[in-house]
Amino acid sequence: MNRQELTKQVAHYVHVLVYEKGYASPLDILLKLDKLTPKLTEEWRFGRLPYLEKVTAGNLSQLEFILDTMRKTARDMGLKEHVYEYKQWGKGRGRTLRFSKTGNPHIERKYATSYRKEVKIDAQKSDTTRTSSPGGDVGDPESGR
């Protein structure tokens, strides 16, 4: 797949994910593009893989292009950036998961950044805005978390 086709697909999936979930995360985009499988993503989330890039299809240049295209599309849509801290699932203290082999903070931040639309709550209920996140609405009293 060339970069022009990849740009169209990434932009399409960002729009679809924001419509469906209210946000788009790099993990969701990589899953939609078949660069990751749900099984491998789960293995990484449980800490059974040292870093996510080890099991992604495609080279590092292509993965960075996908992340950059996602960021550009999200900015064009007026979405807000949110850096999400991915913690290991399972028992015990959740350690922070790594995306890249090197652990470069710049690359890690690109993978951990999701883009979401702001959801404004009726002014009579509250003067705050609420946003959705890849981990659910943590701290939202209505969600029970």
C-alpha atoms as a PDB file:
ATOM      1  CA  MET A   1       0.000   0.000   0.000  1.00  0.00           C
ATOM      2  CA  ASN A   2       1.448   3.367  -0.977  1.00  0.00           C
ATOM      3  CA  ARG A   3       1.415   6.447   1.239  1.00  0.00           C
ATOM      4  CA  GLN A   4      -1.454   8.103  -0.616  1.00  0.00           C
ATOM      5  CA  GLU A   5      -3.721   5.081  -0.038  1.00  0.00           C
ATOM      6  CA  LEU A   6      -2.523   4.805   3.555  1.00  0.00           C
ATOM      7  CA  THR A   7      -3.328   8.485   4.169  1.00  0.00           C
ATOM      8  CA  LYS A   8      -6.885   7.967   2.901  1.00  0.00           C
ATOM      9  CA  GLN A   9      -7.389   4.867   5.042  1.00  0.00           C
ATOM     10  CA  VAL A  10      -6.018   6.483   8.208  1.00  0.00           C
ATOM     11  CA  ALA A  11      -8.202   9.581   7.704  1.00  0.00           C
ATOM     12  CA  HIS A  12     -11.254   7.380   7.076  1.00  0.00           C
ATOM     13  CA  TYR A  13     -10.678   5.299  10.215  1.00  0.00           C
ATOM     14  CA  VAL A  14     -10.078   8.376  12.378  1.00  0.00           C
ATOM     15  CA  HIS A  15     -13.463   9.713  11.261  1.00  0.00           C
ATOM     16  CA  VAL A  16     -15.160   6.343  11.827  1.00  0.00           C
ATOM     17  CA  LEU A  17     -13.661   5.849  15.293  1.00  0.00           C
ATOM     18  CA  VAL A  18     -14.514   9.364  16.438  1.00  0.00           C
ATOM     19  CA  TYR A  19     -18.082   8.866  15.216  1.00  0.00           C
ATOM     20  CA  GLU A  20     -18.407   5.453  16.905  1.00  0.00           C
ATOM     21  CA  LYS A  21     -16.459   5.973  20.135  1.00  0.00           C
ATOM     22  CA  GLY A  22     -15.881   9.696  20.488  1.00  0.00           C
ATOM     23  CA  TYR A  23     -12.121   9.228  20.213  1.00  0.00           C
ATOM     24  CA  ALA A  24      -9.444   7.640  18.043  1.00  0.00           C
ATOM     25  CA  SER A  25      -6.326   6.022  19.463  1.00  0.00           C
ATOM     26  CA  PRO A  26      -3.261   4.705  17.635  1.00  0.00           C
ATOM     27  CA  LEU A  27      -4.035   1.178  18.852  1.00  0.00           C
ATOM     28  CA  ASP A  28      -7.497   1.351  17.298  1.00  0.00           C
ATOM     29  CA  ILE A  29      -6.085   2.678  14.024  1.00  0.00           C
ATOM     30  CA  LEU A  30      -3.412  -0.052  13.886  1.00  0.00           C
ATOM     31  CA  LEU A  31      -6.080  -2.675  14.541  1.00  0.00           C
ATOM     32  CA  LYS A  32      -8.337  -1.261  11.800  1.00  0.00           C
ATOM     33  CA  LEU A  33      -5.406  -1.223   9.348  1.00  0.00           C
ATOM     34  CA  ASP A  34      -4.562  -4.855  10.235  1.00  0.00           C
ATOM     35  CA  LYS A  35      -1.119  -3.818  11.478  1.00  0.00           C
ATOM     36  CA  LEU A  36      -2.000  -5.486  14.795  1.00  0.00           C
ATOM     37  CA  THR A  37      -4.304  -8.301  15.788  1.00  0.00           C
ATOM     38  CA  PRO A  38      -6.577  -8.198  18.837  1.00  0.00           C
ATOM     39  CA  LYS A  39      -4.765 -11.281  20.207  1.00  0.00           C
ATOM     40  CA  LEU A  40      -1.329  -9.643  20.014  1.00  0.00           C
ATOM     41  CA  THR A  41      -2.688  -6.419  21.465  1.00  0.00           C
ATOM     42  CA  GLU A  42      -4.064  -8.369  24.408  1.00  0.00           C
ATOM     43  CA  GLU A  43      -0.722 -10.153  24.886  1.00  0.00           C
ATOM     44  CA  TRP A  44       1.002  -6.762  25.032  1.00  0.00           C
ATOM     45  CA  ARG A  45      -1.625  -5.337  27.418  1.00  0.00           C
ATOM     46  CA  PHE A  46      -1.029  -8.245  29.815  1.00  0.00           C
ATOM     47  CA  GLY A  47       2.732  -7.590  29.688  1.00  0.00           C
ATOM     48  CA  ARG A  48       3.653 -10.755  27.807  1.00  0.00           C
ATOM     49  CA  LEU A  49       5.447  -8.773  25.079  1.00  0.00           C
ATOM     50  CA  PRO A  50       8.332  -6.390  25.823  1.00  0.00           C
ATOM     51  CA  TYR A  51       7.086  -3.690  23.420  1.00  0.00           C
ATOM     52  CA  LEU A  52       4.275  -3.279  20.876  1.00  0.00           C
ATOM     53  CA  GLU A  53       6.372  -2.521  17.767  1.00  0.00           C
ATOM     54  CA  LYS A  54       7.815  -6.033  18.015  1.00  0.00           C
ATOM     55  CA  VAL A  55       4.548  -7.513  16.726  1.00  0.00           C
ATOM     56  CA  THR A  56       3.219  -4.808  14.394  1.00  0.00           C
ATOM     57  CA  ALA A  57       3.099  -5.477  10.661  1.00  0.00           C
ATOM     58  CA  GLY A  58       5.043  -2.960   8.597  1.00  0.00           C
ATOM     59  CA  ASN A  59       8.304  -1.143   9.092  1.00  0.00           C
ATOM     60  CA  LEU A  60       9.012   1.620  11.584  1.00  0.00           C
ATOM     61  CA  SER A  61       8.898   4.307   8.889  1.00  0.00           C
ATOM     62  CA  GLN A  62       5.395   3.228   7.900  1.00  0.00           C
ATOM     63  CA  LEU A  63       4.240   3.130  11.521  1.00  0.00           C
ATOM     64  CA  GLU A  64       5.547   6.647  12.137  1.00  0.00           C
ATOM     65  CA  PHE A  65       3.819   7.822   8.957  1.00  0.00           C
ATOM     66  CA  ILE A  66       0.529   6.373  10.246  1.00  0.00           C
ATOM     67  CA  LEU A  67       0.927   8.161  13.588  1.00  0.00           C
ATOM     68  CA  ASP A  68       1.804  11.464  11.898  1.00  0.00           C
ATOM     69  CA  THR A  69      -1.139  11.157   9.481  1.00  0.00           C
ATOM     70  CA  MET A  70      -3.460  10.403  12.364  1.00  0.00           C
ATOM     71  CA  ARG A  71      -2.261  13.507  14.208  1.00  0.00           C
ATOM     72  CA  LYS A  72      -2.717  15.719  11.131  1.00  0.00           C
ATOM     73  CA  THR A  73      -6.219  14.366  10.486  1.00  0.00           C
ATOM     74  CA  ALA A  74      -7.203  14.866  14.125  1.00  0.00           C
ATOM     75  CA  ARG A  75      -5.970  18.450  14.097  1.00  0.00           C
ATOM     76  CA  ASP A  76      -7.862  19.128  10.865  1.00  0.00           C
ATOM     77  CA  MET A  77     -11.001  17.793  12.598  1.00  0.00           C
ATOM     78  CA  GLY A  78     -10.424  20.018  15.622  1.00  0.00           C
ATOM     79  CA  LEU A  79      -9.984  17.100  18.021  1.00  0.00           C
ATOM     80  CA  LYS A  80      -8.240  17.440  21.380  1.00  0.00           C
ATOM     81  CA  GLU A  81      -5.052  15.539  22.181  1.00  0.00           C
ATOM     82  CA  HIS A  82      -5.007  13.365  25.268  1.00  0.00           C
ATOM     83  CA  VAL A  83      -1.944  11.415  26.368  1.00  0.00           C
ATOM     84  CA  TYR A  84      -3.148   8.167  27.848  1.00  0.00           C
ATOM     85  CA  GLU A  85      -0.917   6.118  30.157  1.00  0.00           C
ATOM     86  CA  TYR A  86      -1.143   2.482  29.150  1.00  0.00           C
ATOM     87  CA  LYS A  87      -0.752   0.255  32.204  1.00  0.00           C
ATOM     88  CA  GLN A  88      -0.345  -3.492  32.241  1.00  0.00           C
ATOM     89  CA  TRP A  89      -3.543  -5.446  32.742  1.00  0.00           C
ATOM     90  CA  GLY A  90      -3.823  -8.259  35.276  1.00  0.00           C
ATOM     91  CA  LYS A  91      -2.881  -8.769  38.887  1.00  0.00           C
ATOM     92  CA  GLY A  92      -0.488  -6.639  40.848  1.00  0.00           C
ATOM     93  CA  ARG A  93       0.696  -3.129  40.233  1.00  0.00           C
ATOM     94  CA  GLY A  94       0.241  -2.127  36.630  1.00  0.00           C
ATOM     95  CA  ARG A  95       3.553  -1.183  35.089  1.00  0.00           C
ATOM     96  CA  THR A  96       3.639   1.304  32.235  1.00  0.00           C
ATOM     97  CA  LEU A  97       3.714  -0.514  28.903  1.00  0.00           C
ATOM     98  CA  ARG A  98       6.233   0.287  26.181  1.00  0.00           C
ATOM     99  CA  PHE A  99       5.410   0.813  22.540  1.00  0.00           C
ATOM    100  CA  SER A 100       8.921   0.998  21.058  1.00  0.00           C
ATOM    101  CA  LYS A 101      12.107  -0.989  21.484  1.00  0.00           C
ATOM    102  CA  THR A 102      14.158   2.090  22.365  1.00  0.00           C
ATOM    103  CA  GLY A 103      11.586   3.632  24.704  1.00  0.00           C
ATOM    104  CA  ASN A 104      12.225   7.051  23.119  1.00  0.00           C
ATOM    105  CA  PRO A 105       9.871   9.471  24.931  1.00  0.00           C
ATOM    106  CA  HIS A 106       8.931  11.245  21.672  1.00  0.00           C
ATOM    107  CA  ILE A 107       7.872   7.973  20.004  1.00  0.00           C
ATOM    108  CA  GLU A 108       6.169   6.684  23.156  1.00  0.00           C
ATOM    109  CA  ARG A 109       4.127   9.893  23.359  1.00  0.00           C
ATOM    110  CA  LYS A 110       2.976   9.540  19.732  1.00  0.00           C
ATOM    111  CA  TYR A 111       1.642   6.053  20.411  1.00  0.00           C
ATOM    112  CA  ALA A 112       0.039   7.085  23.715  1.00  0.00           C
ATOM    113  CA  THR A 113      -1.785  10.111  22.285  1.00  0.00           C
ATOM    114  CA  SER A 114      -5.458   9.675  21.516  1.00  0.00           C
ATOM    115  CA  TYR A 115      -7.641  12.296  19.862  1.00  0.00           C
ATOM    116  CA  ARG A 116     -11.144  13.009  21.010  1.00  0.00           C
ATOM    117  CA  LYS A 117     -13.975  15.372  20.481  1.00  0.00           C
ATOM    118  CA  GLU A 118     -15.183  17.437  23.375  1.00  0.00           C
ATOM    119  CA  VAL A 119     -18.640  16.618  24.600  1.00  0.00           C
ATOM    120  CA  LYS A 120     -20.274  19.650  26.145  1.00  0.00           C
ATOM    121  CA  ILE A 121     -22.716  18.942  28.911  1.00  0.00           C
ATOM    122  CA  ASP A 122     -25.915  20.934  29.147  1.00  0.00           C
ATOM    123  CA  ALA A 123     -25.169  24.206  30.992  1.00  0.00           C
ATOM    124  CA  GLN A 124     -27.972  23.539  33.480  1.00  0.00           C
ATOM    125  CA  LYS A 125     -26.316  20.318  34.636  1.00  0.00           C
ATOM    126  CA  SER A 126     -22.708  21.507  34.797  1.00  0.00           C
ATOM    127  CA  ASP A 127     -20.339  24.160  33.514  1.00  0.00           C
ATOM    128  CA  THR A 128     -17.635  21.584  32.751  1.00  0.00           C
ATOM    129  CA  THR A 129     -16.900  19.653  29.603  1.00  0.00           C
ATOM    130  CA  ARG A 130     -16.465  15.930  29.565  1.00  0.00           C
ATOM    131  CA  THR A 131     -14.453  13.883  27.110  1.00  0.00           C
ATOM    132  CA  SER A 132     -14.270  10.208  26.349  1.00  0.00           C
ATOM    133  CA  SER A 133     -11.019   8.255  26.561  1.00  0.00           C
ATOM    134  CA  PRO A 134      -9.523   4.932  25.466  1.00  0.00           C
ATOM    135  CA  GLY A 135      -9.819   3.649  29.031  1.00  0.00           C
ATOM    136  CA  GLY A 136     -13.440   4.682  29.421  1.00  0.00           C
ATOM    137  CA  ASP A 137     -14.706   7.649  31.356  1.00  0.00           C
ATOM    138  CA  VAL A 138     -12.520   7.192  34.426  1.00  0.00           C
ATOM    139  CA  GLY A 139     -13.830   9.281  37.265  1.00  0.00           C
ATOM    140  CA  ASP A 140     -17.229   9.691  35.641  1.00  0.00           C
ATOM    141  CA  PRO A 141     -19.794   9.101  38.379  1.00  0.00           C
ATOM    142  CA  GLU A 142     -22.325   7.825  35.845  1.00  0.00           C
ATOM    143  CA  SER A 143     -19.972   5.083  34.641  1.00  0.00           C
ATOM    144  CA  GLY A 144     -19.452   3.740  38.166  1.00  0.00           C
ATOM    145  CA  ARG A 145     -15.660   4.091  38.082  1.00  0.00           C
END
